[in-house]
PDB file of N, CA and C in Angstrom:
ATOM      1  N   UNK A   1      14.164  -0.798  25.057  1.00  0.00           N
ATOM      2  CA  UNK A   1      12.765  -1.191  25.010  1.00  0.00           C
ATOM      3  C   UNK A   1      12.057  -0.413  23.923  1.00  0.00           C
ATOM      4  N   UNK A   2      11.113  -1.061  23.263  1.00  0.00           N
ATOM      5  CA  UNK A   2      10.429  -0.379  22.173  1.00  0.00           C
ATOM      6  C   UNK A   2       8.962  -0.135  22.490  1.00  0.00           C
ATOM      7  N   UNK A   3       8.697   0.378  23.673  1.00  0.00           N
ATOM      8  CA  UNK A   3       7.324   0.664  24.039  1.00  0.00           C
ATOM      9  C   UNK A   3       6.769   1.773  23.153  1.00  0.00           C
ATOM     10  N   UNK A   4       5.606   1.533  22.588  1.00  0.00           N
ATOM     11  CA  UNK A   4       4.856   2.522  21.810  1.00  0.00           C
ATOM     12  C   UNK A   4       5.616   3.052  20.593  1.00  0.00           C
ATOM     13  N   UNK A   5       6.564   2.309  20.086  1.00  0.00           N
ATOM     14  CA  UNK A   5       7.240   2.722  18.862  1.00  0.00           C
ATOM     15  C   UNK A   5       6.681   1.887  17.730  1.00  0.00           C
ATOM     16  N   UNK A   6       5.940   2.534  16.876  1.00  0.00           N
ATOM     17  CA  UNK A   6       5.212   1.842  15.834  1.00  0.00           C
ATOM     18  C   UNK A   6       5.871   2.125  14.494  1.00  0.00           C
ATOM     19  N   UNK A   7       6.011   1.122  13.674  1.00  0.00           N
ATOM     20  CA  UNK A   7       6.524   1.328  12.330  1.00  0.00           C
ATOM     21  C   UNK A   7       8.038   1.235  12.260  1.00  0.00           C
ATOM     22  N   UNK A   8       8.517   1.121  11.032  1.00  0.00           N
ATOM     23  CA  UNK A   8       9.954   1.030  10.782  1.00  0.00           C
ATOM     24  C   UNK A   8      10.428   2.345  10.182  1.00  0.00           C
ATOM     25  N   UNK A   9      11.652   2.734  10.500  1.00  0.00           N
ATOM     26  CA  UNK A   9      12.184   3.985   9.957  1.00  0.00           C
ATOM     27  C   UNK A   9      12.743   3.815   8.556  1.00  0.00           C
ATOM     28  N   UNK A  10      13.144   2.620   8.192  1.00  0.00           N
ATOM     29  CA  UNK A  10      13.663   2.307   6.855  1.00  0.00           C
ATOM     30  C   UNK A  10      14.859   3.172   6.469  1.00  0.00           C
ATOM     31  N   UNK A  11      15.620   3.622   7.440  1.00  0.00           N
ATOM     32  CA  UNK A  11      16.818   4.451   7.227  1.00  0.00           C
ATOM     33  C   UNK A  11      16.518   5.708   6.420  1.00  0.00           C
ATOM     34  N   UNK A  12      15.368   6.333   6.678  1.00  0.00           N
ATOM     35  CA  UNK A  12      14.948   7.524   5.947  1.00  0.00           C
ATOM     36  C   UNK A  12      14.387   8.550   6.916  1.00  0.00           C
ATOM     37  N   UNK A  13      14.363   9.804   6.467  1.00  0.00           N
ATOM     38  CA  UNK A  13      13.693  10.838   7.249  1.00  0.00           C
ATOM     39  C   UNK A  13      12.186  10.631   7.119  1.00  0.00           C
ATOM     40  N   UNK A  14      11.429  11.330   7.936  1.00  0.00           N
ATOM     41  CA  UNK A  14       9.975  11.168   7.924  1.00  0.00           C
ATOM     42  C   UNK A  14       9.381  11.555   6.568  1.00  0.00           C
ATOM     43  N   UNK A  15       9.866  12.636   5.986  1.00  0.00           N
ATOM     44  CA  UNK A  15       9.322  13.073   4.696  1.00  0.00           C
ATOM     45  C   UNK A  15       9.696  12.104   3.578  1.00  0.00           C
ATOM     46  N   UNK A  16      10.915  11.570   3.639  1.00  0.00           N
ATOM     47  CA  UNK A  16      11.344  10.602   2.630  1.00  0.00           C
ATOM     48  C   UNK A  16      10.538   9.309   2.750  1.00  0.00           C
ATOM     49  N   UNK A  17      10.273   8.888   3.988  1.00  0.00           N
ATOM     50  CA  UNK A  17       9.482   7.689   4.225  1.00  0.00           C
ATOM     51  C   UNK A  17       8.059   7.858   3.702  1.00  0.00           C
ATOM     52  N   UNK A  18       7.481   9.021   3.953  1.00  0.00           N
ATOM     53  CA  UNK A  18       6.124   9.302   3.472  1.00  0.00           C
ATOM     54  C   UNK A  18       6.082   9.293   1.946  1.00  0.00           C
ATOM     55  N   UNK A  19       7.069   9.900   1.313  1.00  0.00           N
ATOM     56  CA  UNK A  19       7.127   9.921  -0.150  1.00  0.00           C
ATOM     57  C   UNK A  19       7.297   8.505  -0.706  1.00  0.00           C
ATOM     58  N   UNK A  20       8.125   7.698  -0.055  1.00  0.00           N
ATOM     59  CA  UNK A  20       8.326   6.314  -0.477  1.00  0.00           C
ATOM     60  C   UNK A  20       7.017   5.534  -0.431  1.00  0.00           C
ATOM     61  N   UNK A  21       6.274   5.661   0.674  1.00  0.00           N
ATOM     62  CA  UNK A  21       5.021   4.923   0.814  1.00  0.00           C
ATOM     63  C   UNK A  21       3.974   5.408  -0.187  1.00  0.00           C
ATOM     64  N   UNK A  22       3.935   6.704  -0.436  1.00  0.00           N
ATOM     65  CA  UNK A  22       2.982   7.232  -1.420  1.00  0.00           C
ATOM     66  C   UNK A  22       3.284   6.681  -2.807  1.00  0.00           C
ATOM     67  N   UNK A  23       4.556   6.704  -3.192  1.00  0.00           N
ATOM     68  CA  UNK A  23       4.932   6.217  -4.523  1.00  0.00           C
ATOM     69  C   UNK A  23       4.699   4.714  -4.648  1.00  0.00           C
ATOM     70  N   UNK A  24       5.010   3.958  -3.595  1.00  0.00           N
ATOM     71  CA  UNK A  24       4.794   2.515  -3.653  1.00  0.00           C
ATOM     72  C   UNK A  24       3.309   2.192  -3.706  1.00  0.00           C
ATOM     73  N   UNK A  25       2.487   2.941  -2.977  1.00  0.00           N
ATOM     74  CA  UNK A  25       1.039   2.712  -3.012  1.00  0.00           C
ATOM     75  C   UNK A  25       0.487   3.013  -4.406  1.00  0.00           C
ATOM     76  N   UNK A  26       0.969   4.085  -5.028  1.00  0.00           N
ATOM     77  CA  UNK A  26       0.520   4.398  -6.390  1.00  0.00           C
ATOM     78  C   UNK A  26       0.912   3.287  -7.347  1.00  0.00           C
ATOM     79  N   UNK A  27       2.127   2.761  -7.213  1.00  0.00           N
ATOM     80  CA  UNK A  27       2.560   1.662  -8.073  1.00  0.00           C
ATOM     81  C   UNK A  27       1.729   0.407  -7.818  1.00  0.00           C
ATOM     82  N   UNK A  28       1.411   0.147  -6.564  1.00  0.00           N
ATOM     83  CA  UNK A  28       0.588  -1.015  -6.226  1.00  0.00           C
ATOM     84  C   UNK A  28      -0.791  -0.903  -6.857  1.00  0.00           C
ATOM     85  N   UNK A  29      -1.403   0.269  -6.778  1.00  0.00           N
ATOM     86  CA  UNK A  29      -2.738   0.448  -7.346  1.00  0.00           C
ATOM     87  C   UNK A  29      -2.700   0.460  -8.869  1.00  0.00           C
ATOM     88  N   UNK A  30      -1.618   0.933  -9.441  1.00  0.00           N
ATOM     89  CA  UNK A  30      -1.507   0.996 -10.902  1.00  0.00           C
ATOM     90  C   UNK A  30      -1.262  -0.388 -11.505  1.00  0.00           C
ATOM     91  N   UNK A  31      -0.364  -1.171 -10.874  1.00  0.00           N
ATOM     92  CA  UNK A  31       0.062  -2.443 -11.462  1.00  0.00           C
ATOM     93  C   UNK A  31      -0.513  -3.680 -10.764  1.00  0.00           C
ATOM     94  N   UNK A  32      -1.055  -3.524  -9.580  1.00  0.00           N
ATOM     95  CA  UNK A  32      -1.629  -4.664  -8.874  1.00  0.00           C
ATOM     96  C   UNK A  32      -0.656  -5.408  -7.981  1.00  0.00           C
ATOM     97  N   UNK A  33       0.636  -5.247  -8.228  1.00  0.00           N
ATOM     98  CA  UNK A  33       1.658  -5.878  -7.392  1.00  0.00           C
ATOM     99  C   UNK A  33       2.967  -5.112  -7.498  1.00  0.00           C
ATOM    100  N   UNK A  34       3.793  -5.238  -6.454  1.00  0.00           N
ATOM    101  CA  UNK A  34       5.077  -4.544  -6.391  1.00  0.00           C
ATOM    102  C   UNK A  34       6.093  -5.483  -5.752  1.00  0.00           C
ATOM    103  N   UNK A  35       7.279  -5.585  -6.336  1.00  0.00           N
ATOM    104  CA  UNK A  35       8.384  -6.317  -5.723  1.00  0.00           C
ATOM    105  C   UNK A  35       9.234  -5.335  -4.933  1.00  0.00           C
ATOM    106  N   UNK A  36       9.496  -5.654  -3.673  1.00  0.00           N
ATOM    107  CA  UNK A  36      10.257  -4.764  -2.803  1.00  0.00           C
ATOM    108  C   UNK A  36      10.849  -5.593  -1.663  1.00  0.00           C
ATOM    109  N   UNK A  37      11.460  -4.942  -0.696  1.00  0.00           N
ATOM    110  CA  UNK A  37      11.981  -5.673   0.453  1.00  0.00           C
ATOM    111  C   UNK A  37      10.833  -6.004   1.403  1.00  0.00           C
ATOM    112  N   UNK A  38      11.050  -6.967   2.271  1.00  0.00           N
ATOM    113  CA  UNK A  38      10.016  -7.389   3.205  1.00  0.00           C
ATOM    114  C   UNK A  38       9.631  -6.241   4.140  1.00  0.00           C
ATOM    115  N   UNK A  39      10.614  -5.498   4.635  1.00  0.00           N
ATOM    116  CA  UNK A  39      10.334  -4.403   5.565  1.00  0.00           C
ATOM    117  C   UNK A  39       9.469  -3.332   4.903  1.00  0.00           C
ATOM    118  N   UNK A  40       9.788  -2.982   3.659  1.00  0.00           N
ATOM    119  CA  UNK A  40       8.990  -1.975   2.950  1.00  0.00           C
ATOM    120  C   UNK A  40       7.590  -2.493   2.664  1.00  0.00           C
ATOM    121  N   UNK A  41       7.469  -3.765   2.328  1.00  0.00           N
ATOM    122  CA  UNK A  41       6.147  -4.353   2.066  1.00  0.00           C
ATOM    123  C   UNK A  41       5.289  -4.326   3.327  1.00  0.00           C
ATOM    124  N   UNK A  42       5.903  -4.630   4.473  1.00  0.00           N
ATOM    125  CA  UNK A  42       5.155  -4.633   5.723  1.00  0.00           C
ATOM    126  C   UNK A  42       4.728  -3.231   6.137  1.00  0.00           C
ATOM    127  N   UNK A  43       5.486  -2.225   5.746  1.00  0.00           N
ATOM    128  CA  UNK A  43       5.095  -0.845   6.016  1.00  0.00           C
ATOM    129  C   UNK A  43       4.033  -0.365   5.033  1.00  0.00           C
ATOM    130  N   UNK A  44       4.114  -0.852   3.808  1.00  0.00           N
ATOM    131  CA  UNK A  44       3.163  -0.434   2.780  1.00  0.00           C
ATOM    132  C   UNK A  44       1.773  -0.993   3.033  1.00  0.00           C
ATOM    133  N   UNK A  45       1.688  -2.189   3.589  1.00  0.00           N
ATOM    134  CA  UNK A  45       0.390  -2.852   3.752  1.00  0.00           C
ATOM    135  C   UNK A  45      -0.643  -1.997   4.492  1.00  0.00           C
ATOM    136  N   UNK A  46      -0.402  -1.504   5.714  1.00  0.00           N
ATOM    137  CA  UNK A  46      -1.439  -0.704   6.373  1.00  0.00           C
ATOM    138  C   UNK A  46      -1.703   0.621   5.660  1.00  0.00           C
ATOM    139  N   UNK A  47      -0.684   1.198   5.052  1.00  0.00           N
ATOM    140  CA  UNK A  47      -0.836   2.459   4.315  1.00  0.00           C
ATOM    141  C   UNK A  47      -1.811   2.269   3.155  1.00  0.00           C
ATOM    142  N   UNK A  48      -1.605   1.223   2.363  1.00  0.00           N
ATOM    143  CA  UNK A  48      -2.449   0.963   1.196  1.00  0.00           C
ATOM    144  C   UNK A  48      -3.846   0.521   1.610  1.00  0.00           C
ATOM    145  N   UNK A  49      -3.940  -0.283   2.653  1.00  0.00           N
ATOM    146  CA  UNK A  49      -5.255  -0.765   3.065  1.00  0.00           C
ATOM    147  C   UNK A  49      -6.115   0.363   3.613  1.00  0.00           C
ATOM    148  N   UNK A  50      -5.508   1.350   4.255  1.00  0.00           N
ATOM    149  CA  UNK A  50      -6.253   2.517   4.709  1.00  0.00           C
ATOM    150  C   UNK A  50      -6.822   3.289   3.522  1.00  0.00           C
ATOM    151  N   UNK A  51      -6.020   3.407   2.453  1.00  0.00           N
ATOM    152  CA  UNK A  51      -6.495   4.100   1.261  1.00  0.00           C
ATOM    153  C   UNK A  51      -7.641   3.341   0.591  1.00  0.00           C
ATOM    154  N   UNK A  52      -7.569   2.019   0.564  1.00  0.00           N
ATOM    155  CA  UNK A  52      -8.651   1.230  -0.021  1.00  0.00           C
ATOM    156  C   UNK A  52      -9.919   1.386   0.813  1.00  0.00           C
ATOM    157  N   UNK A  53      -9.787   1.450   2.123  1.00  0.00           N
ATOM    158  CA  UNK A  53     -10.949   1.662   2.987  1.00  0.00           C
ATOM    159  C   UNK A  53     -11.575   3.020   2.715  1.00  0.00           C
ATOM    160  N   UNK A  54     -10.756   4.042   2.478  1.00  0.00           N
ATOM    161  CA  UNK A  54     -11.295   5.345   2.082  1.00  0.00           C
ATOM    162  C   UNK A  54     -12.042   5.225   0.763  1.00  0.00           C
ATOM    163  N   UNK A  55     -11.483   4.447  -0.161  1.00  0.00           N
ATOM    164  CA  UNK A  55     -12.134   4.236  -1.442  1.00  0.00           C
ATOM    165  C   UNK A  55     -13.470   3.534  -1.295  1.00  0.00           C
ATOM    166  N   UNK A  56     -13.582   2.634  -0.342  1.00  0.00           N
ATOM    167  CA  UNK A  56     -14.843   1.941  -0.100  1.00  0.00           C
ATOM    168  C   UNK A  56     -15.890   2.904   0.444  1.00  0.00           C
ATOM    169  N   UNK A  57     -15.466   3.878   1.249  1.00  0.00           N
ATOM    170  CA  UNK A  57     -16.412   4.879   1.759  1.00  0.00           C
ATOM    171  C   UNK A  57     -16.974   5.694   0.603  1.00  0.00           C
ATOM    172  N   UNK A  58     -16.067   6.166  -0.259  1.00  0.00           N
ATOM    173  CA  UNK A  58     -16.472   6.765  -1.515  1.00  0.00           C
ATOM    174  C   UNK A  58     -17.054   8.170  -1.471  1.00  0.00           C
ATOM    175  N   UNK A  59     -17.200   8.790  -0.305  1.00  0.00           N
ATOM    176  CA  UNK A  59     -17.762  10.139  -0.279  1.00  0.00           C
ATOM    177  C   UNK A  59     -16.701  11.180  -0.612  1.00  0.00           C
ATOM    178  N   UNK A  60     -17.113  12.423  -0.699  1.00  0.00           N
ATOM    179  CA  UNK A  60     -16.211  13.498  -1.119  1.00  0.00           C
ATOM    180  C   UNK A  60     -15.058  13.675  -0.134  1.00  0.00           C
ATOM    181  N   UNK A  61     -15.357  13.584   1.157  1.00  0.00           N
ATOM    182  CA  UNK A  61     -14.302  13.764   2.151  1.00  0.00           C
ATOM    183  C   UNK A  61     -13.253  12.655   2.044  1.00  0.00           C
ATOM    184  N   UNK A  62     -13.706  11.422   1.833  1.00  0.00           N
ATOM    185  CA  UNK A  62     -12.778  10.296   1.672  1.00  0.00           C
ATOM    186  C   UNK A  62     -11.925  10.495   0.426  1.00  0.00           C
ATOM    187  N   UNK A  63     -12.539  10.990  -0.648  1.00  0.00           N
ATOM    188  CA  UNK A  63     -11.808  11.232  -1.892  1.00  0.00           C
ATOM    189  C   UNK A  63     -10.731  12.302  -1.691  1.00  0.00           C
ATOM    190  N   UNK A  64     -11.052  13.323  -0.934  1.00  0.00           N
ATOM    191  CA  UNK A  64     -10.074  14.382  -0.676  1.00  0.00           C
ATOM    192  C   UNK A  64      -8.958  13.895   0.248  1.00  0.00           C
ATOM    193  N   UNK A  65      -9.314  13.074   1.237  1.00  0.00           N
ATOM    194  CA  UNK A  65      -8.288  12.517   2.121  1.00  0.00           C
ATOM    195  C   UNK A  65      -7.333  11.618   1.342  1.00  0.00           C
ATOM    196  N   UNK A  66      -7.868  10.790   0.463  1.00  0.00           N
ATOM    197  CA  UNK A  66      -7.023   9.922  -0.353  1.00  0.00           C
ATOM    198  C   UNK A  66      -6.206  10.755  -1.332  1.00  0.00           C
ATOM    199  N   UNK A  67      -6.770  11.836  -1.829  1.00  0.00           N
ATOM    200  CA  UNK A  67      -6.064  12.722  -2.755  1.00  0.00           C
ATOM    201  C   UNK A  67      -4.840  13.365  -2.141  1.00  0.00           C
ATOM    202  N   UNK A  68      -4.823  13.484  -0.815  1.00  0.00           N
ATOM    203  CA  UNK A  68      -3.638  14.011  -0.134  1.00  0.00           C
ATOM    204  C   UNK A  68      -2.476  13.039  -0.223  1.00  0.00           C
ATOM    205  N   UNK A  69      -2.780  11.750  -0.297  1.00  0.00           N
ATOM    206  CA  UNK A  69      -1.735  10.731  -0.329  1.00  0.00           C
ATOM    207  C   UNK A  69      -1.391  10.292  -1.746  1.00  0.00           C
ATOM    208  N   UNK A  70      -2.349  10.368  -2.673  1.00  0.00           N
ATOM    209  CA  UNK A  70      -2.136   9.900  -4.041  1.00  0.00           C
ATOM    210  C   UNK A  70      -2.124  11.111  -4.966  1.00  0.00           C
ATOM    211  N   UNK A  71      -0.970  11.390  -5.541  1.00  0.00           N
ATOM    212  CA  UNK A  71      -0.805  12.587  -6.361  1.00  0.00           C
ATOM    213  C   UNK A  71      -1.354  12.398  -7.778  1.00  0.00           C
ATOM    214  N   UNK A  72      -1.355  11.173  -8.278  1.00  0.00           N
ATOM    215  CA  UNK A  72      -1.762  10.904  -9.652  1.00  0.00           C
ATOM    216  C   UNK A  72      -3.282  10.746  -9.716  1.00  0.00           C
ATOM    217  N   UNK A  73      -3.955  11.648 -10.440  1.00  0.00           N
ATOM    218  CA  UNK A  73      -5.417  11.608 -10.489  1.00  0.00           C
ATOM    219  C   UNK A  73      -5.924  10.347 -11.181  1.00  0.00           C
ATOM    220  N   UNK A  74      -5.156   9.822 -12.132  1.00  0.00           N
ATOM    221  CA  UNK A  74      -5.551   8.596 -12.823  1.00  0.00           C
ATOM    222  C   UNK A  74      -5.615   7.414 -11.846  1.00  0.00           C
ATOM    223  N   UNK A  75      -4.631   7.329 -10.969  1.00  0.00           N
ATOM    224  CA  UNK A  75      -4.603   6.264  -9.964  1.00  0.00           C
ATOM    225  C   UNK A  75      -5.714   6.477  -8.940  1.00  0.00           C
ATOM    226  N   UNK A  76      -5.970   7.727  -8.593  1.00  0.00           N
ATOM    227  CA  UNK A  76      -7.039   8.041  -7.640  1.00  0.00           C
ATOM    228  C   UNK A  76      -8.393   7.624  -8.197  1.00  0.00           C
ATOM    229  N   UNK A  77      -8.648   7.909  -9.466  1.00  0.00           N
ATOM    230  CA  UNK A  77      -9.900   7.496 -10.098  1.00  0.00           C
ATOM    231  C   UNK A  77     -10.000   5.976 -10.146  1.00  0.00           C
ATOM    232  N   UNK A  78      -8.892   5.300 -10.415  1.00  0.00           N
ATOM    233  CA  UNK A  78      -8.894   3.833 -10.442  1.00  0.00           C
ATOM    234  C   UNK A  78      -9.190   3.273  -9.056  1.00  0.00           C
ATOM    235  N   UNK A  79      -8.628   3.903  -8.019  1.00  0.00           N
ATOM    236  CA  UNK A  79      -8.860   3.447  -6.647  1.00  0.00           C
ATOM    237  C   UNK A  79     -10.340   3.522  -6.304  1.00  0.00           C
ATOM    238  N   UNK A  80     -10.974   4.647  -6.596  1.00  0.00           N
ATOM    239  CA  UNK A  80     -12.377   4.825  -6.239  1.00  0.00           C
ATOM    240  C   UNK A  80     -13.320   4.163  -7.235  1.00  0.00           C
ATOM    241  N   UNK A  81     -12.884   3.998  -8.484  1.00  0.00           N
ATOM    242  CA  UNK A  81     -13.769   3.466  -9.508  1.00  0.00           C
ATOM    243  C   UNK A  81     -13.727   1.965  -9.669  1.00  0.00           C
ATOM    244  N   UNK A  82     -12.534   1.353  -9.579  1.00  0.00           N
ATOM    245  CA  UNK A  82     -12.433  -0.086  -9.850  1.00  0.00           C
ATOM    246  C   UNK A  82     -11.870  -0.891  -8.686  1.00  0.00           C
ATOM    247  N   UNK A  83     -10.872  -0.367  -7.989  1.00  0.00           N
ATOM    248  CA  UNK A  83     -10.210  -1.159  -6.943  1.00  0.00           C
ATOM    249  C   UNK A  83     -11.089  -1.293  -5.702  1.00  0.00           C
ATOM    250  N   UNK A  84     -11.564  -0.178  -5.157  1.00  0.00           N
ATOM    251  CA  UNK A  84     -12.362  -0.226  -3.926  1.00  0.00           C
ATOM    252  C   UNK A  84     -13.683  -0.984  -4.094  1.00  0.00           C
ATOM    253  N   UNK A  85     -14.428  -0.802  -5.191  1.00  0.00           N
ATOM    254  CA  UNK A  85     -15.667  -1.579  -5.346  1.00  0.00           C
ATOM    255  C   UNK A  85     -15.421  -3.087  -5.394  1.00  0.00           C
ATOM    256  N   UNK A  86     -14.233  -3.498  -5.838  1.00  0.00           N
ATOM    257  CA  UNK A  86     -13.888  -4.907  -5.872  1.00  0.00           C
ATOM    258  C   UNK A  86     -13.895  -5.517  -4.467  1.00  0.00           C
ATOM    259  N   UNK A  87     -13.603  -4.697  -3.454  1.00  0.00           N
ATOM    260  CA  UNK A  87     -13.513  -5.176  -2.073  1.00  0.00           C
ATOM    261  C   UNK A  87     -14.707  -4.739  -1.233  1.00  0.00           C
ATOM    262  N   UNK A  88     -15.838  -4.436  -1.865  1.00  0.00           N
ATOM    263  CA  UNK A  88     -17.005  -3.902  -1.159  1.00  0.00           C
ATOM    264  C   UNK A  88     -17.491  -4.841  -0.052  1.00  0.00           C
ATOM    265  N   UNK A  89     -17.469  -6.140  -0.300  1.00  0.00           N
ATOM    266  CA  UNK A  89     -17.971  -7.106   0.675  1.00  0.00           C
ATOM    267  C   UNK A  89     -16.888  -7.598   1.626  1.00  0.00           C
ATOM    268  N   UNK A  90     -15.648  -7.220   1.375  1.00  0.00           N
ATOM    269  CA  UNK A  90     -14.530  -7.730   2.168  1.00  0.00           C
ATOM    270  C   UNK A  90     -14.247  -6.779   3.334  1.00  0.00           C
ATOM    271  N   UNK A  91     -14.171  -7.268   4.582  1.00  0.00           N
ATOM    272  CA  UNK A  91     -13.989  -6.377   5.727  1.00  0.00           C
ATOM    273  C   UNK A  91     -12.539  -5.978   6.006  1.00  0.00           C
ATOM    274  N   UNK A  92     -11.610  -6.318   5.146  1.00  0.00           N
ATOM    275  CA  UNK A  92     -10.207  -5.968   5.355  1.00  0.00           C
ATOM    276  C   UNK A  92      -9.332  -7.007   4.698  1.00  0.00           C
ATOM    277  N   UNK A  93      -8.037  -6.841   4.834  1.00  0.00           N
ATOM    278  CA  UNK A  93      -7.105  -7.808   4.257  1.00  0.00           C
ATOM    279  C   UNK A  93      -7.101  -7.755   2.744  1.00  0.00           C
ATOM    280  N   UNK A  94      -6.869  -6.566   2.194  1.00  0.00           N
ATOM    281  CA  UNK A  94      -6.928  -6.374   0.750  1.00  0.00           C
ATOM    282  C   UNK A  94      -5.612  -6.699   0.058  1.00  0.00           C
ATOM    283  N   UNK A  95      -4.539  -6.863   0.827  1.00  0.00           N
ATOM    284  CA  UNK A  95      -3.230  -7.123   0.229  1.00  0.00           C
ATOM    285  C   UNK A  95      -2.647  -8.429   0.758  1.00  0.00           C
ATOM    286  N   UNK A  96      -1.696  -8.962   0.009  1.00  0.00           N
ATOM    287  CA  UNK A  96      -1.025 -10.204   0.382  1.00  0.00           C
ATOM    288  C   UNK A  96       0.471  -9.987   0.188  1.00  0.00           C
ATOM    289  N   UNK A  97       1.279 -10.457   1.129  1.00  0.00           N
ATOM    290  CA  UNK A  97       2.731 -10.365   1.017  1.00  0.00           C
ATOM    291  C   UNK A  97       3.283 -11.774   0.821  1.00  0.00           C
ATOM    292  N   UNK A  98       3.999 -11.982  -0.278  1.00  0.00           N
ATOM    293  CA  UNK A  98       4.635 -13.268  -0.572  1.00  0.00           C
ATOM    294  C   UNK A  98       6.144 -13.069  -0.562  1.00  0.00           C
ATOM    295  N   UNK A  99       6.851 -13.868   0.209  1.00  0.00           N
ATOM    296  CA  UNK A  99       8.309 -13.736   0.279  1.00  0.00           C
ATOM    297  C   UNK A  99       8.941 -14.408  -0.929  1.00  0.00           C
ATOM    298  N   UNK A 100       9.968 -13.764  -1.493  1.00  0.00           N
ATOM    299  CA  UNK A 100      10.583 -14.222  -2.738  1.00  0.00           C
ATOM    300  C   UNK A 100      12.009 -14.738  -2.575  1.00  0.00           C
ATOM    301  N   UNK A 101      12.574 -14.673  -1.396  1.00  0.00           N
ATOM    302  CA  UNK A 101      13.965 -15.087  -1.225  1.00  0.00           C
ATOM    303  C   UNK A 101      14.853 -13.871  -1.052  1.00  0.00           C
ATOM    304  N   UNK A 102      16.138 -14.059  -1.298  1.00  0.00           N
ATOM    305  CA  UNK A 102      17.107 -12.994  -1.053  1.00  0.00           C
ATOM    306  C   UNK A 102      17.562 -12.357  -2.363  1.00  0.00           C
ATOM    307  N   UNK A 103      17.805 -11.042  -2.311  1.00  0.00           N
ATOM    308  CA  UNK A 103      18.275 -10.300  -3.476  1.00  0.00           C
ATOM    309  C   UNK A 103      19.730 -10.656  -3.757  1.00  0.00           C
ATOM    310  N   UNK A 104      20.046 -10.774  -5.029  1.00  0.00           N
ATOM    311  CA  UNK A 104      21.385 -11.193  -5.449  1.00  0.00           C
ATOM    312  C   UNK A 104      22.479 -10.234  -4.960  1.00  0.00           C
ATOM    313  N   UNK A 105      22.256  -8.945  -5.079  1.00  0.00           N
ATOM    314  CA  UNK A 105      23.320  -7.977  -4.808  1.00  0.00           C
ATOM    315  C   UNK A 105      23.729  -7.884  -3.358  1.00  0.00           C
ATOM    316  N   UNK A 106      22.748  -7.723  -2.456  1.00  0.00           N
ATOM    317  CA  UNK A 106      23.101  -7.483  -1.055  1.00  0.00           C
ATOM    318  C   UNK A 106      22.470  -8.470  -0.083  1.00  0.00           C
ATOM    319  N   UNK A 107      21.717  -9.431  -0.582  1.00  0.00           N
ATOM    320  CA  UNK A 107      21.141 -10.445   0.291  1.00  0.00           C
ATOM    321  C   UNK A 107      19.911  -9.990   1.041  1.00  0.00           C
ATOM    322  N   UNK A 108      19.356  -8.843   0.677  1.00  0.00           N
ATOM    323  CA  UNK A 108      18.151  -8.362   1.352  1.00  0.00           C
ATOM    324  C   UNK A 108      16.988  -9.301   1.052  1.00  0.00           C
ATOM    325  N   UNK A 109      16.150  -9.530   2.048  1.00  0.00           N
ATOM    326  CA  UNK A 109      15.007 -10.418   1.857  1.00  0.00           C
ATOM    327  C   UNK A 109      13.932  -9.684   1.052  1.00  0.00           C
ATOM    328  N   UNK A 110      13.545 -10.277  -0.067  1.00  0.00           N
ATOM    329  CA  UNK A 110      12.608  -9.637  -0.987  1.00  0.00           C
ATOM    330  C   UNK A 110      11.207 -10.229  -0.816  1.00  0.00           C
ATOM    331  N   UNK A 111      10.209  -9.424  -1.195  1.00  0.00           N
ATOM    332  CA  UNK A 111       8.822  -9.862  -1.111  1.00  0.00           C
ATOM    333  C   UNK A 111       8.034  -9.208  -2.225  1.00  0.00           C
ATOM    334  N   UNK A 112       6.901  -9.811  -2.542  1.00  0.00           N
ATOM    335  CA  UNK A 112       5.973  -9.230  -3.494  1.00  0.00           C
ATOM    336  C   UNK A 112       4.695  -8.922  -2.724  1.00  0.00           C
ATOM    337  N   UNK A 113       4.238  -7.682  -2.802  1.00  0.00           N
ATOM    338  CA  UNK A 113       2.964  -7.317  -2.197  1.00  0.00           C
ATOM    339  C   UNK A 113       1.983  -7.127  -3.337  1.00  0.00           C
ATOM    340  N   UNK A 114       0.804  -7.736  -3.215  1.00  0.00           N
ATOM    341  CA  UNK A 114      -0.173  -7.663  -4.285  1.00  0.00           C
ATOM    342  C   UNK A 114      -1.566  -7.501  -3.710  1.00  0.00           C
ATOM    343  N   UNK A 115      -2.467  -6.994  -4.529  1.00  0.00           N
ATOM    344  CA  UNK A 115      -3.866  -6.903  -4.159  1.00  0.00           C
ATOM    345  C   UNK A 115      -4.494  -8.281  -4.348  1.00  0.00           C
ATOM    346  N   UNK A 116      -5.274  -8.719  -3.377  1.00  0.00           N
ATOM    347  CA  UNK A 116      -5.913 -10.012  -3.493  1.00  0.00           C
ATOM    348  C   UNK A 116      -7.075  -9.913  -4.480  1.00  0.00           C
ATOM    349  N   UNK A 117      -7.466 -11.041  -5.016  1.00  0.00           N
ATOM    350  CA  UNK A 117      -8.608 -11.065  -5.927  1.00  0.00           C
ATOM    351  C   UNK A 117      -9.898 -11.064  -5.114  1.00  0.00           C
ATOM    352  N   UNK A 118     -10.983 -10.795  -5.789  1.00  0.00           N
ATOM    353  CA  UNK A 118     -12.278 -10.634  -5.125  1.00  0.00           C
ATOM    354  C   UNK A 118     -12.715 -11.889  -4.369  1.00  0.00           C
ATOM    355  N   UNK A 119     -12.640 -13.056  -5.005  1.00  0.00           N
ATOM    356  CA  UNK A 119     -13.223 -14.259  -4.438  1.00  0.00           C
ATOM    357  C   UNK A 119     -12.359 -15.001  -3.436  1.00  0.00           C
ATOM    358  N   UNK A 120     -11.172 -14.517  -3.140  1.00  0.00           N
ATOM    359  CA  UNK A 120     -10.262 -15.283  -2.279  1.00  0.00           C
ATOM    360  C   UNK A 120     -10.535 -15.048  -0.812  1.00  0.00           C
TER     361      UNK A 120
END
């Protein structure tokens, strides 16, 4: 039974999983979209959306909380300066997951996670 077990382990230790999500979130904010497996995309979605919500708050405490997760100051400035204001009127759902089919090498189900546009 999986009572109260939230999230996927992704065959990694807790620290490795945290590092993976941080790096994927930075790539998502830097490039606007990331190709990855479906399981990783589904784990990345709440992680990234929480960071965007911090960016929408925009105060010093939110900036410091986001800074704990995003190591690259350039990406952090982009999150608070351009990405979060884009979603100012949107109450959530900042990302979209599109399934791409199976990977050639091992058959893993692939997906693209991207930031939605303002008017959608």
